[in-house]
């Protein structure tokens, strides 16, 4: 299995999940300007959507979209606990979280990274994100992770996107539980390993 990534992008969640499984994998970095990879592959041929994450499976097929990639990785090592068993209500709760993170939190950050976005658009995104993080803060009141006592791929995803706050100047002071949650996840050896591999930590 090969993961195509961009340092610190949402693909970092998949990178963390791969380390959590303990399975062998390769990585190749996307060069955004050329849409080539460091390994010399034409990324647009691999994923015509043009963005990460993407994983190339052992049969040569390619899977894209973060929520799908995360669940695929988790299912390769069921005993990792990264995702509940398919068909269970707990699995649907995981999908509920992944969808919420993708549509309500991840996408709220996009305008803040866009140099062409107006202040009005960025302020709207910040206000929207603030409302969504209030919900997350409440959900973390009595549990260390989103799904309870066990780290799942939803936690990997939320950790990555909310950590972008540091890069866009979004103040997390009103969210002490989220700040504690981020620090707790950042200390995991698998998270440290993925961030080091992407050059985000020395």
N, C-alpha and C. Protein backbone atom coordinates (compact mmCIF):
# COMPACT_ATOMS: atom_id res chain seq x y z
N UNK A 1 0.85 -1.18 0.00
CA UNK A 1 0.00 0.00 0.00
C UNK A 1 0.90 1.24 0.00
N UNK A 2 0.52 2.22 -0.81
CA UNK A 2 1.28 3.46 -0.88
C UNK A 2 0.34 4.63 -0.63
N UNK A 3 0.75 5.51 0.29
CA UNK A 3 -0.01 6.71 0.58
C UNK A 3 0.62 7.90 -0.13
N UNK A 4 -0.21 8.64 -0.84
CA UNK A 4 0.22 9.91 -1.45
C UNK A 4 -0.26 11.03 -0.54
N UNK A 5 0.67 11.91 -0.17
CA UNK A 5 0.37 12.91 0.85
C UNK A 5 0.98 14.26 0.50
N UNK A 6 0.54 15.26 1.23
CA UNK A 6 1.17 16.58 1.24
C UNK A 6 1.38 16.92 2.70
N UNK A 7 2.55 17.39 3.10
CA UNK A 7 2.85 17.59 4.52
C UNK A 7 1.81 18.44 5.25
N UNK A 8 1.25 17.88 6.32
CA UNK A 8 0.30 18.60 7.14
C UNK A 8 -1.11 18.70 6.59
N UNK A 9 -1.33 18.20 5.38
CA UNK A 9 -2.67 18.22 4.79
C UNK A 9 -3.53 17.15 5.48
N UNK A 10 -4.79 17.04 5.06
CA UNK A 10 -5.67 16.06 5.69
C UNK A 10 -5.17 14.63 5.51
N UNK A 11 -4.28 14.42 4.54
CA UNK A 11 -3.68 13.10 4.34
C UNK A 11 -2.86 12.66 5.55
N UNK A 12 -2.49 13.61 6.41
CA UNK A 12 -1.76 13.25 7.63
C UNK A 12 -2.59 12.30 8.49
N UNK A 13 -3.90 12.44 8.47
CA UNK A 13 -4.77 11.54 9.24
C UNK A 13 -4.61 10.09 8.76
N UNK A 14 -4.55 9.90 7.45
CA UNK A 14 -4.34 8.56 6.90
C UNK A 14 -2.96 8.04 7.25
N UNK A 15 -1.99 8.93 7.25
CA UNK A 15 -0.62 8.57 7.60
C UNK A 15 -0.57 8.08 9.05
N UNK A 16 -1.24 8.80 9.95
CA UNK A 16 -1.32 8.39 11.35
C UNK A 16 -2.00 7.03 11.47
N UNK A 17 -3.11 6.86 10.75
CA UNK A 17 -3.85 5.59 10.81
C UNK A 17 -2.99 4.42 10.36
N UNK A 18 -2.19 4.63 9.33
CA UNK A 18 -1.31 3.56 8.85
C UNK A 18 -0.31 3.17 9.93
N UNK A 19 0.27 4.14 10.61
CA UNK A 19 1.18 3.81 11.71
C UNK A 19 0.44 3.09 12.84
N UNK A 20 -0.81 3.48 13.08
CA UNK A 20 -1.60 2.83 14.13
C UNK A 20 -1.83 1.34 13.82
N UNK A 21 -1.97 0.99 12.55
CA UNK A 21 -2.21 -0.41 12.20
C UNK A 21 -0.96 -1.27 12.34
N UNK A 22 0.21 -0.66 12.17
CA UNK A 22 1.44 -1.43 12.19
C UNK A 22 1.71 -2.18 10.89
N UNK A 23 0.88 -1.95 9.88
CA UNK A 23 1.04 -2.62 8.58
C UNK A 23 2.15 -1.94 7.76
N UNK A 24 2.81 -2.68 6.87
CA UNK A 24 3.82 -2.06 6.02
C UNK A 24 3.18 -1.14 4.97
N UNK A 25 3.82 -0.02 4.69
CA UNK A 25 3.31 0.89 3.68
C UNK A 25 4.44 1.77 3.18
N UNK A 26 4.21 2.38 2.02
CA UNK A 26 5.14 3.36 1.45
C UNK A 26 4.45 4.72 1.41
N UNK A 27 5.23 5.77 1.28
CA UNK A 27 4.66 7.10 1.11
C UNK A 27 5.33 7.80 -0.07
N UNK A 28 4.59 8.70 -0.70
CA UNK A 28 5.13 9.51 -1.79
C UNK A 28 4.46 10.88 -1.71
N UNK A 29 5.27 11.93 -1.72
CA UNK A 29 4.75 13.28 -1.52
C UNK A 29 4.33 13.93 -2.82
N UNK A 30 3.17 14.57 -2.79
CA UNK A 30 2.67 15.33 -3.92
C UNK A 30 3.38 16.68 -3.99
N UNK A 31 3.87 17.03 -5.17
CA UNK A 31 4.41 18.37 -5.41
C UNK A 31 3.27 19.18 -6.01
N UNK A 32 2.71 20.08 -5.23
CA UNK A 32 1.47 20.76 -5.64
C UNK A 32 1.63 21.56 -6.92
N UNK A 33 2.77 22.19 -7.10
CA UNK A 33 2.94 23.07 -8.26
C UNK A 33 2.95 22.31 -9.58
N UNK A 34 3.53 21.12 -9.57
CA UNK A 34 3.66 20.35 -10.81
C UNK A 34 2.66 19.21 -10.91
N UNK A 35 2.00 18.88 -9.78
CA UNK A 35 1.10 17.73 -9.71
C UNK A 35 1.83 16.42 -10.04
N UNK A 36 3.13 16.44 -9.82
CA UNK A 36 3.93 15.22 -9.88
C UNK A 36 4.25 14.82 -8.44
N UNK A 37 4.71 13.59 -8.26
CA UNK A 37 5.13 13.18 -6.93
C UNK A 37 6.65 13.17 -6.87
N UNK A 38 7.17 13.18 -5.66
CA UNK A 38 8.62 13.12 -5.49
C UNK A 38 9.17 11.86 -6.13
N UNK A 39 8.38 10.80 -6.13
CA UNK A 39 8.79 9.54 -6.74
C UNK A 39 8.69 9.51 -8.26
N UNK A 40 8.23 10.61 -8.86
CA UNK A 40 8.19 10.72 -10.31
C UNK A 40 6.90 10.29 -10.98
N UNK A 41 5.83 10.13 -10.21
CA UNK A 41 4.55 9.73 -10.79
C UNK A 41 3.70 10.96 -11.11
N UNK A 42 2.90 10.83 -12.15
CA UNK A 42 1.95 11.87 -12.53
C UNK A 42 0.72 11.71 -11.65
N UNK A 43 0.57 12.60 -10.68
CA UNK A 43 -0.50 12.42 -9.71
C UNK A 43 -1.88 12.53 -10.34
N UNK A 44 -2.01 13.34 -11.38
CA UNK A 44 -3.32 13.50 -12.03
C UNK A 44 -3.77 12.21 -12.72
N UNK A 45 -2.81 11.38 -13.06
CA UNK A 45 -3.17 10.07 -13.62
C UNK A 45 -3.66 9.14 -12.51
N UNK A 46 -3.11 9.31 -11.32
CA UNK A 46 -3.51 8.49 -10.18
C UNK A 46 -4.86 8.95 -9.63
N UNK A 47 -5.00 10.28 -9.48
CA UNK A 47 -6.22 10.85 -8.94
C UNK A 47 -6.56 12.13 -9.71
N UNK A 48 -7.42 12.03 -10.71
CA UNK A 48 -7.77 13.20 -11.52
C UNK A 48 -8.38 14.36 -10.72
N UNK A 49 -8.82 14.10 -9.48
CA UNK A 49 -9.33 15.19 -8.64
C UNK A 49 -8.20 16.13 -8.24
N UNK A 50 -6.98 15.60 -8.19
CA UNK A 50 -5.82 16.45 -7.97
C UNK A 50 -5.44 16.74 -6.54
N UNK A 51 -6.06 16.06 -5.58
CA UNK A 51 -5.73 16.33 -4.18
C UNK A 51 -5.55 15.04 -3.39
N UNK A 52 -4.88 15.19 -2.26
CA UNK A 52 -4.64 14.06 -1.37
C UNK A 52 -5.72 14.03 -0.28
N UNK A 53 -5.88 12.85 0.38
CA UNK A 53 -5.07 11.65 0.26
C UNK A 53 -5.52 10.76 -0.89
N UNK A 54 -4.61 9.92 -1.31
CA UNK A 54 -4.91 8.83 -2.22
C UNK A 54 -4.03 7.67 -1.79
N UNK A 55 -4.54 6.47 -1.89
CA UNK A 55 -3.72 5.30 -1.61
C UNK A 55 -3.77 4.36 -2.81
N UNK A 56 -2.61 3.85 -3.15
CA UNK A 56 -2.53 2.83 -4.20
C UNK A 56 -2.48 1.47 -3.51
N UNK A 57 -3.43 0.62 -3.87
CA UNK A 57 -3.52 -0.69 -3.26
C UNK A 57 -2.59 -1.67 -3.96
N UNK A 58 -2.44 -2.83 -3.38
CA UNK A 58 -1.49 -3.81 -3.92
C UNK A 58 -1.86 -4.29 -5.32
N UNK A 59 -3.15 -4.17 -5.67
CA UNK A 59 -3.56 -4.58 -7.03
C UNK A 59 -3.43 -3.45 -8.04
N UNK A 60 -2.90 -2.30 -7.59
CA UNK A 60 -2.69 -1.17 -8.49
C UNK A 60 -3.83 -0.19 -8.53
N UNK A 61 -4.98 -0.53 -7.95
CA UNK A 61 -6.11 0.40 -7.93
C UNK A 61 -5.85 1.51 -6.92
N UNK A 62 -6.57 2.62 -7.10
CA UNK A 62 -6.36 3.79 -6.26
C UNK A 62 -7.67 4.17 -5.57
N UNK A 63 -7.59 4.44 -4.27
CA UNK A 63 -8.74 4.88 -3.49
C UNK A 63 -8.49 6.31 -3.02
N UNK A 64 -9.51 7.15 -3.13
CA UNK A 64 -9.38 8.55 -2.73
C UNK A 64 -10.49 8.92 -1.74
N UNK A 65 -10.43 10.16 -1.27
CA UNK A 65 -11.35 10.77 -0.30
C UNK A 65 -11.02 10.27 1.12
N UNK A 66 -10.70 11.24 1.97
CA UNK A 66 -10.20 10.96 3.29
C UNK A 66 -11.02 9.99 4.11
N UNK A 67 -12.33 10.19 4.18
CA UNK A 67 -13.17 9.33 5.01
C UNK A 67 -13.14 7.89 4.52
N UNK A 68 -13.14 7.70 3.21
CA UNK A 68 -13.09 6.35 2.64
C UNK A 68 -11.73 5.72 2.88
N UNK A 69 -10.67 6.49 2.68
CA UNK A 69 -9.31 5.98 2.88
C UNK A 69 -9.11 5.58 4.34
N UNK A 70 -9.56 6.40 5.25
CA UNK A 70 -9.40 6.11 6.68
C UNK A 70 -10.11 4.81 7.06
N UNK A 71 -11.32 4.62 6.56
CA UNK A 71 -12.05 3.40 6.90
C UNK A 71 -11.41 2.17 6.25
N UNK A 72 -10.90 2.33 5.06
CA UNK A 72 -10.21 1.21 4.40
C UNK A 72 -9.00 0.79 5.22
N UNK A 73 -8.19 1.77 5.62
CA UNK A 73 -7.00 1.47 6.41
C UNK A 73 -7.38 0.76 7.70
N UNK A 74 -8.39 1.28 8.39
CA UNK A 74 -8.83 0.68 9.65
C UNK A 74 -9.26 -0.78 9.45
N UNK A 75 -9.95 -1.04 8.36
CA UNK A 75 -10.48 -2.38 8.11
C UNK A 75 -9.40 -3.39 7.74
N UNK A 76 -8.21 -2.90 7.40
CA UNK A 76 -7.11 -3.83 7.10
C UNK A 76 -6.55 -4.45 8.38
N UNK A 77 -6.85 -3.82 9.51
CA UNK A 77 -6.38 -4.33 10.81
C UNK A 77 -7.50 -4.14 11.83
N UNK A 78 -8.54 -5.00 11.75
CA UNK A 78 -9.70 -4.82 12.62
C UNK A 78 -9.38 -4.78 14.11
N UNK A 79 -8.36 -5.55 14.52
CA UNK A 79 -8.05 -5.59 15.95
C UNK A 79 -7.34 -4.33 16.44
N UNK A 80 -7.08 -3.39 15.53
CA UNK A 80 -6.48 -2.12 15.93
C UNK A 80 -7.48 -1.24 16.68
N UNK A 81 -8.77 -1.50 16.47
CA UNK A 81 -9.81 -0.70 17.10
C UNK A 81 -10.01 0.66 16.45
N UNK A 82 -9.40 0.87 15.29
CA UNK A 82 -9.51 2.16 14.62
C UNK A 82 -10.90 2.43 14.06
N UNK A 83 -11.67 1.37 13.87
CA UNK A 83 -13.05 1.51 13.39
C UNK A 83 -13.87 0.35 13.94
N UNK A 84 -15.09 0.62 14.38
CA UNK A 84 -15.96 -0.48 14.81
C UNK A 84 -16.30 -1.40 13.63
N UNK A 85 -16.79 -2.55 13.93
CA UNK A 85 -17.13 -3.54 12.91
C UNK A 85 -18.21 -3.02 11.96
N UNK A 86 -18.05 -3.31 10.68
CA UNK A 86 -19.05 -2.89 9.67
C UNK A 86 -20.42 -3.46 10.02
N UNK A 87 -21.44 -2.65 9.81
CA UNK A 87 -22.80 -3.08 10.06
C UNK A 87 -23.30 -2.81 11.45
N UNK A 88 -22.42 -2.42 12.36
CA UNK A 88 -22.84 -2.12 13.72
C UNK A 88 -23.26 -0.66 13.84
N UNK A 89 -24.04 -0.36 14.87
CA UNK A 89 -24.45 1.02 15.08
C UNK A 89 -23.24 1.88 15.37
N UNK A 90 -22.25 1.30 16.05
CA UNK A 90 -21.03 2.05 16.34
C UNK A 90 -20.31 2.48 15.07
N UNK A 91 -20.37 1.63 14.03
CA UNK A 91 -19.72 1.98 12.76
C UNK A 91 -20.44 3.17 12.13
N UNK A 92 -21.74 3.20 12.22
CA UNK A 92 -22.48 4.33 11.68
C UNK A 92 -22.18 5.61 12.47
N UNK A 93 -21.94 5.45 13.76
CA UNK A 93 -21.55 6.62 14.57
C UNK A 93 -20.19 7.14 14.11
N UNK A 94 -19.28 6.23 13.77
CA UNK A 94 -17.99 6.65 13.23
C UNK A 94 -18.18 7.41 11.92
N UNK A 95 -19.03 6.88 11.04
CA UNK A 95 -19.28 7.55 9.77
C UNK A 95 -19.95 8.90 9.98
N UNK A 96 -20.77 8.98 11.01
CA UNK A 96 -21.40 10.25 11.38
C UNK A 96 -20.32 11.28 11.73
N UNK A 97 -19.36 10.88 12.55
CA UNK A 97 -18.26 11.78 12.91
C UNK A 97 -17.41 12.15 11.71
N UNK A 98 -17.06 11.17 10.89
CA UNK A 98 -16.22 11.45 9.72
C UNK A 98 -16.90 12.43 8.77
N UNK A 99 -18.19 12.27 8.59
CA UNK A 99 -18.95 13.17 7.71
C UNK A 99 -19.00 14.58 8.30
N UNK A 100 -19.26 14.66 9.60
CA UNK A 100 -19.31 15.96 10.28
C UNK A 100 -17.96 16.68 10.20
N UNK A 101 -16.88 15.96 10.45
CA UNK A 101 -15.55 16.56 10.39
C UNK A 101 -15.25 17.05 8.98
N UNK A 102 -15.61 16.24 7.99
CA UNK A 102 -15.32 16.58 6.60
C UNK A 102 -16.11 17.79 6.13
N UNK A 103 -17.40 17.77 6.36
CA UNK A 103 -18.27 18.80 5.78
C UNK A 103 -18.37 20.06 6.62
N UNK A 104 -18.28 19.92 7.94
CA UNK A 104 -18.52 21.06 8.82
C UNK A 104 -17.26 21.69 9.40
N UNK A 105 -16.20 20.92 9.55
CA UNK A 105 -14.98 21.46 10.15
C UNK A 105 -13.88 21.62 9.11
N UNK A 106 -13.55 20.55 8.41
CA UNK A 106 -12.51 20.61 7.37
C UNK A 106 -12.80 21.73 6.37
N UNK A 107 -13.99 21.74 5.83
CA UNK A 107 -14.32 22.72 4.80
C UNK A 107 -14.42 24.15 5.34
N UNK A 108 -14.63 24.29 6.64
CA UNK A 108 -14.66 25.64 7.22
C UNK A 108 -13.29 26.28 7.22
N UNK A 109 -12.24 25.43 7.23
CA UNK A 109 -10.89 25.97 7.21
C UNK A 109 -10.46 26.42 5.82
N UNK A 110 -11.06 25.85 4.79
CA UNK A 110 -10.60 26.11 3.41
C UNK A 110 -10.51 27.60 3.06
N UNK A 111 -11.55 28.40 3.34
CA UNK A 111 -11.45 29.83 2.99
C UNK A 111 -10.32 30.55 3.73
N UNK A 112 -9.98 30.08 4.92
CA UNK A 112 -8.93 30.74 5.70
C UNK A 112 -7.54 30.54 5.10
N UNK A 113 -7.40 29.48 4.33
CA UNK A 113 -6.13 29.22 3.64
C UNK A 113 -6.08 29.87 2.25
N UNK A 114 -7.23 30.34 1.79
CA UNK A 114 -7.34 30.87 0.43
C UNK A 114 -7.01 32.36 0.40
N UNK A 115 -5.90 32.72 -0.22
CA UNK A 115 -5.47 34.12 -0.25
C UNK A 115 -6.45 35.00 -1.04
N UNK A 116 -7.26 34.39 -1.89
CA UNK A 116 -8.21 35.15 -2.69
C UNK A 116 -9.57 35.33 -2.00
N UNK A 117 -9.77 34.66 -0.87
CA UNK A 117 -11.04 34.78 -0.16
C UNK A 117 -11.15 36.15 0.50
N UNK A 118 -12.31 36.75 0.44
CA UNK A 118 -12.52 38.06 1.05
C UNK A 118 -12.59 37.93 2.57
N UNK A 119 -12.42 39.05 3.26
CA UNK A 119 -12.54 39.05 4.72
C UNK A 119 -13.94 38.60 5.14
N UNK A 120 -14.93 38.97 4.36
CA UNK A 120 -16.31 38.59 4.67
C UNK A 120 -16.47 37.07 4.64
N UNK A 121 -15.90 36.45 3.62
CA UNK A 121 -15.97 34.99 3.50
C UNK A 121 -15.21 34.32 4.65
N UNK A 122 -14.03 34.84 4.96
CA UNK A 122 -13.23 34.26 6.04
C UNK A 122 -13.92 34.42 7.39
N UNK A 123 -14.55 35.55 7.62
CA UNK A 123 -15.26 35.76 8.88
C UNK A 123 -16.46 34.82 8.99
N UNK A 124 -17.14 34.61 7.88
CA UNK A 124 -18.26 33.66 7.88
C UNK A 124 -17.75 32.26 8.25
N UNK A 125 -16.63 31.87 7.64
CA UNK A 125 -16.05 30.54 7.91
C UNK A 125 -15.65 30.41 9.38
N UNK A 126 -15.06 31.47 9.94
CA UNK A 126 -14.65 31.43 11.35
C UNK A 126 -15.87 31.29 12.27
N UNK A 127 -16.92 32.02 11.98
CA UNK A 127 -18.13 31.95 12.80
C UNK A 127 -18.77 30.56 12.71
N UNK A 128 -18.78 30.01 11.51
CA UNK A 128 -19.33 28.68 11.30
C UNK A 128 -18.50 27.65 12.06
N UNK A 129 -17.18 27.76 11.94
CA UNK A 129 -16.29 26.82 12.63
C UNK A 129 -16.47 26.92 14.14
N UNK A 130 -16.60 28.12 14.64
CA UNK A 130 -16.78 28.31 16.07
C UNK A 130 -18.01 27.56 16.58
N UNK A 131 -19.11 27.65 15.86
CA UNK A 131 -20.34 26.95 16.25
C UNK A 131 -20.13 25.44 16.26
N UNK A 132 -19.43 24.93 15.27
CA UNK A 132 -19.21 23.48 15.18
C UNK A 132 -18.28 22.99 16.28
N UNK A 133 -17.29 23.81 16.64
CA UNK A 133 -16.37 23.41 17.70
C UNK A 133 -17.04 23.46 19.07
N UNK A 134 -18.04 24.30 19.23
CA UNK A 134 -18.82 24.29 20.47
C UNK A 134 -19.44 22.90 20.66
N UNK A 135 -19.94 22.34 19.58
CA UNK A 135 -20.53 20.99 19.64
C UNK A 135 -19.47 19.96 20.03
N UNK A 136 -18.30 20.02 19.40
CA UNK A 136 -17.23 19.08 19.71
C UNK A 136 -16.80 19.22 21.16
N UNK A 137 -16.65 20.44 21.62
CA UNK A 137 -16.26 20.70 23.01
C UNK A 137 -17.23 20.03 23.98
N UNK A 138 -18.52 20.12 23.68
CA UNK A 138 -19.55 19.50 24.52
C UNK A 138 -19.42 17.98 24.51
N UNK A 139 -19.15 17.41 23.33
CA UNK A 139 -19.06 15.96 23.20
C UNK A 139 -17.84 15.38 23.93
N UNK A 140 -16.84 16.19 24.14
CA UNK A 140 -15.63 15.73 24.82
C UNK A 140 -15.70 15.91 26.34
N UNK A 141 -16.86 16.26 26.85
CA UNK A 141 -17.00 16.54 28.28
C UNK A 141 -16.69 15.33 29.15
N UNK A 142 -17.09 14.15 28.70
CA UNK A 142 -16.97 12.96 29.55
C UNK A 142 -16.24 11.80 28.88
N UNK A 143 -15.51 12.09 27.83
CA UNK A 143 -14.83 11.01 27.11
C UNK A 143 -13.52 11.51 26.52
N UNK A 144 -12.47 10.69 26.54
CA UNK A 144 -11.18 11.14 26.03
C UNK A 144 -11.10 11.23 24.51
N UNK A 145 -11.94 10.44 23.82
CA UNK A 145 -11.94 10.42 22.36
C UNK A 145 -13.37 10.55 21.84
N UNK A 146 -13.51 10.78 20.56
CA UNK A 146 -14.83 11.03 19.99
C UNK A 146 -15.79 9.85 20.16
N UNK A 147 -15.23 8.63 20.10
CA UNK A 147 -16.07 7.43 20.18
C UNK A 147 -16.02 6.77 21.55
N UNK A 148 -15.49 7.47 22.53
CA UNK A 148 -15.42 6.88 23.87
C UNK A 148 -13.99 6.78 24.37
N UNK A 149 -13.64 5.60 24.85
CA UNK A 149 -12.32 5.41 25.45
C UNK A 149 -11.25 4.95 24.46
N UNK A 150 -11.65 4.77 23.20
CA UNK A 150 -10.69 4.24 22.23
C UNK A 150 -10.46 5.21 21.08
N UNK A 151 -9.20 5.38 20.72
CA UNK A 151 -8.80 6.21 19.59
C UNK A 151 -9.25 5.56 18.29
N UNK A 152 -9.90 6.34 17.42
CA UNK A 152 -10.33 5.84 16.11
C UNK A 152 -9.83 6.75 15.01
N UNK A 153 -10.11 6.37 13.77
CA UNK A 153 -9.69 7.20 12.64
C UNK A 153 -10.37 8.57 12.66
N UNK A 154 -11.53 8.68 13.31
CA UNK A 154 -12.18 9.99 13.44
C UNK A 154 -11.32 10.94 14.27
N UNK A 155 -10.65 10.41 15.27
CA UNK A 155 -9.77 11.23 16.09
C UNK A 155 -8.55 11.68 15.30
N UNK A 156 -8.01 10.79 14.47
CA UNK A 156 -6.88 11.18 13.62
C UNK A 156 -7.27 12.33 12.71
N UNK A 157 -8.45 12.24 12.14
CA UNK A 157 -8.94 13.26 11.20
C UNK A 157 -9.19 14.59 11.93
N UNK A 158 -9.89 14.53 13.06
CA UNK A 158 -10.20 15.77 13.78
C UNK A 158 -8.91 16.43 14.28
N UNK A 159 -7.99 15.63 14.77
CA UNK A 159 -6.71 16.17 15.24
C UNK A 159 -6.02 16.98 14.15
N UNK A 160 -5.96 16.43 12.95
CA UNK A 160 -5.26 17.10 11.86
C UNK A 160 -5.93 18.41 11.49
N UNK A 161 -7.23 18.38 11.27
CA UNK A 161 -7.87 19.60 10.76
C UNK A 161 -7.95 20.69 11.83
N UNK A 162 -8.21 20.33 13.07
CA UNK A 162 -8.29 21.37 14.10
C UNK A 162 -6.91 21.94 14.40
N UNK A 163 -5.87 21.14 14.20
CA UNK A 163 -4.50 21.64 14.38
C UNK A 163 -4.16 22.74 13.38
N UNK A 164 -4.91 22.84 12.31
CA UNK A 164 -4.69 23.92 11.34
C UNK A 164 -4.97 25.29 11.96
N UNK A 165 -5.64 25.31 13.11
CA UNK A 165 -5.92 26.59 13.79
C UNK A 165 -4.65 27.39 13.98
N UNK A 166 -3.54 26.69 14.26
CA UNK A 166 -2.26 27.37 14.47
C UNK A 166 -1.79 28.13 13.24
N UNK A 167 -2.19 27.65 12.06
CA UNK A 167 -1.70 28.23 10.81
C UNK A 167 -2.58 29.36 10.29
N UNK A 168 -3.81 29.42 10.76
CA UNK A 168 -4.73 30.45 10.26
C UNK A 168 -5.13 31.45 11.34
N UNK A 169 -4.54 31.31 12.51
CA UNK A 169 -4.83 32.27 13.58
C UNK A 169 -6.20 32.11 14.20
N UNK A 170 -6.73 30.91 14.20
CA UNK A 170 -8.03 30.67 14.85
C UNK A 170 -7.79 30.34 16.32
N UNK A 171 -8.38 31.12 17.21
CA UNK A 171 -8.13 31.02 18.64
C UNK A 171 -8.93 29.87 19.27
N UNK A 172 -8.21 28.92 19.86
CA UNK A 172 -8.87 27.79 20.51
C UNK A 172 -9.04 27.99 22.02
N UNK A 173 -8.71 29.17 22.52
CA UNK A 173 -8.82 29.44 23.96
C UNK A 173 -10.21 29.13 24.52
N UNK A 174 -11.30 29.42 23.78
CA UNK A 174 -12.63 29.11 24.33
C UNK A 174 -12.94 27.62 24.40
N UNK A 175 -12.01 26.78 23.92
CA UNK A 175 -12.27 25.34 23.84
C UNK A 175 -11.20 24.55 24.60
N UNK A 176 -11.19 24.63 25.93
CA UNK A 176 -10.14 23.96 26.70
C UNK A 176 -10.12 22.44 26.55
N UNK A 177 -11.29 21.84 26.40
CA UNK A 177 -11.32 20.38 26.23
C UNK A 177 -10.70 19.99 24.89
N UNK A 178 -10.97 20.77 23.86
CA UNK A 178 -10.39 20.48 22.56
C UNK A 178 -8.87 20.66 22.61
N UNK A 179 -8.40 21.68 23.30
CA UNK A 179 -6.96 21.91 23.42
C UNK A 179 -6.30 20.73 24.14
N UNK A 180 -6.91 20.24 25.21
CA UNK A 180 -6.38 19.08 25.93
C UNK A 180 -6.40 17.84 25.04
N UNK A 181 -7.47 17.70 24.29
CA UNK A 181 -7.63 16.57 23.35
C UNK A 181 -6.52 16.58 22.30
N UNK A 182 -6.25 17.74 21.72
CA UNK A 182 -5.19 17.85 20.72
C UNK A 182 -3.83 17.50 21.31
N UNK A 183 -3.57 17.98 22.52
CA UNK A 183 -2.28 17.70 23.17
C UNK A 183 -2.14 16.21 23.46
N UNK A 184 -3.23 15.59 23.87
CA UNK A 184 -3.22 14.15 24.18
C UNK A 184 -2.92 13.32 22.93
N UNK A 185 -3.55 13.71 21.82
CA UNK A 185 -3.33 12.96 20.59
C UNK A 185 -1.94 13.24 20.02
N UNK A 186 -1.48 14.48 20.12
CA UNK A 186 -0.16 14.83 19.61
C UNK A 186 0.94 14.03 20.29
N UNK A 187 0.69 13.57 21.51
CA UNK A 187 1.70 12.81 22.27
C UNK A 187 1.76 11.34 21.88
N UNK A 188 0.80 10.88 21.08
CA UNK A 188 0.82 9.46 20.69
C UNK A 188 2.05 9.18 19.81
N UNK A 189 2.75 8.08 20.05
CA UNK A 189 3.93 7.75 19.25
C UNK A 189 3.66 7.66 17.76
N UNK A 190 2.48 7.17 17.39
CA UNK A 190 2.15 7.05 15.97
C UNK A 190 1.99 8.41 15.32
N UNK A 191 1.43 9.34 16.07
CA UNK A 191 1.25 10.71 15.56
C UNK A 191 2.61 11.37 15.40
N UNK A 192 3.45 11.19 16.38
CA UNK A 192 4.81 11.73 16.32
C UNK A 192 5.56 11.15 15.12
N UNK A 193 5.41 9.86 14.90
CA UNK A 193 6.11 9.20 13.79
C UNK A 193 5.65 9.74 12.44
N UNK A 194 4.33 9.90 12.27
CA UNK A 194 3.79 10.40 11.01
C UNK A 194 4.23 11.84 10.76
N UNK A 195 4.22 12.66 11.80
CA UNK A 195 4.61 14.05 11.63
C UNK A 195 6.10 14.18 11.33
N UNK A 196 6.90 13.34 11.94
CA UNK A 196 8.33 13.35 11.64
C UNK A 196 8.58 12.92 10.19
N UNK A 197 7.86 11.90 9.75
CA UNK A 197 8.03 11.40 8.39
C UNK A 197 7.66 12.46 7.36
N UNK A 198 6.75 13.38 7.71
CA UNK A 198 6.33 14.43 6.80
C UNK A 198 7.14 15.72 7.00
N UNK A 199 8.12 15.67 7.88
CA UNK A 199 8.96 16.83 8.11
C UNK A 199 8.33 17.90 8.95
N UNK A 200 7.28 17.53 9.71
CA UNK A 200 6.57 18.50 10.55
C UNK A 200 7.16 18.60 11.94
N UNK A 201 7.93 17.58 12.31
CA UNK A 201 8.64 17.56 13.58
C UNK A 201 10.07 17.15 13.32
N UNK A 202 10.99 17.64 14.15
CA UNK A 202 12.39 17.24 14.02
C UNK A 202 12.63 15.96 14.82
